[in-house]
Protein backbone atom coordinates (compact mmCIF):
# COMPACT_ATOMS: atom_id res chain seq x y z
CA SER A 1 16.00 -11.37 -0.12
CA ALA A 2 15.71 -7.96 -0.01
CA SER A 3 15.95 -7.28 -3.91
CA LEU A 4 14.11 -10.36 -4.99
CA GLU A 5 11.13 -9.28 -7.18
CA LYS A 6 9.84 -12.51 -8.46
CA LEU A 7 9.88 -15.87 -6.49
CA ILE A 8 8.69 -19.18 -8.58
CA VAL A 9 8.98 -22.46 -6.69
CA GLU A 10 6.75 -25.66 -7.82
CA SER A 11 6.86 -29.14 -6.27
CA LEU A 12 9.42 -28.58 -3.80
CA PRO A 13 8.29 -28.68 -0.36
CA LEU A 14 9.09 -25.53 1.81
CA SER A 15 9.26 -26.92 5.29
CA GLY A 16 9.85 -23.69 8.03
CA ALA A 17 8.72 -21.29 5.48
CA GLU A 18 7.72 -18.92 8.18
CA ARG A 19 11.73 -18.43 8.50
CA LEU A 20 12.04 -17.42 4.92
CA GLY A 21 12.58 -13.65 6.26
CA ALA A 22 10.65 -10.45 4.51
CA PHE A 23 10.68 -9.94 0.85
CA PRO A 24 9.75 -6.01 0.63
CA ASN A 25 10.26 -6.02 -3.23
CA LEU A 26 8.39 -8.86 -4.20
CA ARG A 27 6.17 -8.58 -6.96
CA GLU A 28 5.10 -11.94 -8.06
CA ALA A 29 5.08 -15.11 -6.17
CA SER A 30 4.24 -18.63 -7.52
CA LEU A 31 4.02 -21.32 -4.72
CA VAL A 32 2.53 -24.39 -6.48
CA ARG A 33 2.63 -27.68 -4.55
CA CYS A 34 5.05 -26.57 -2.08
CA ALA A 35 3.37 -28.06 1.08
CA LEU A 36 3.02 -24.75 2.44
CA ASP A 37 0.52 -24.36 5.53
CA THR A 38 1.39 -20.57 6.09
CA LEU A 39 2.08 -17.62 3.92
CA VAL A 40 3.45 -15.47 6.62
CA PHE A 41 6.53 -15.07 5.20
CA LEU A 42 4.92 -12.66 2.47
CA GLU A 43 3.28 -10.57 4.93
CA LYS A 44 6.12 -7.79 4.72
CA SER A 45 5.70 -7.92 0.63
CA ALA A 46 3.90 -4.73 0.18
CA LYS A 47 4.81 -4.57 -3.43
CA LEU A 48 3.24 -7.80 -4.21
CA GLU A 49 1.05 -7.69 -7.52
CA ARG A 50 0.61 -11.50 -8.42
CA LEU A 51 0.32 -14.46 -5.91
CA THR A 52 -0.36 -18.12 -6.84
CA ALA A 53 -0.47 -20.53 -4.22
CA ARG A 54 -2.32 -23.64 -5.08
CA TYR A 55 -2.45 -27.40 -4.08
CA ASN A 56 -0.68 -26.40 -0.82
CA HIS A 57 -1.79 -27.23 2.75
CA LEU A 58 -3.43 -23.68 3.71
CA GLU A 59 -6.55 -23.83 5.80
CA SER A 60 -7.46 -20.22 5.51
CA LEU A 61 -6.30 -16.82 4.15
CA PRO A 62 -4.04 -14.85 6.20
CA PRO A 63 -5.63 -11.35 7.16
CA PHE A 64 -2.81 -9.57 5.91
CA LEU A 65 -3.61 -10.08 2.31
CA GLY A 66 -6.08 -7.42 2.47
CA ASP A 67 -3.77 -4.94 3.33
CA LEU A 68 -1.74 -5.53 0.15
CA THR A 69 -2.77 -2.62 -1.71
CA GLU A 70 -0.91 -3.73 -5.06
CA LEU A 71 -2.23 -7.11 -5.08
CA ARG A 72 -4.23 -7.58 -8.32
CA LEU A 73 -4.36 -11.48 -9.27
CA SER A 74 -4.68 -13.98 -6.26
CA LEU A 75 -4.98 -17.61 -7.11
CA ILE A 76 -5.35 -19.86 -4.12
CA HIS A 77 -6.43 -23.06 -3.62
CA ILE A 78 -7.79 -23.87 -0.02
């Protein structure tokens, strides 16, 4: 997962997502209809530029999103 730059998953439940591990080189993540209740696995993704996390089970935005200085586009449905 260390070299992954783009992660696109749609309509596939990702149970246990908090155990996915770090993605330090991730630049784009599109996670639509994945039944996610957390985005904590993206916390170490300092290079993240685009994030789409629509139609999941998120109840709030994680505080670490404010620390992602490269993040330019974020589409999140809560």
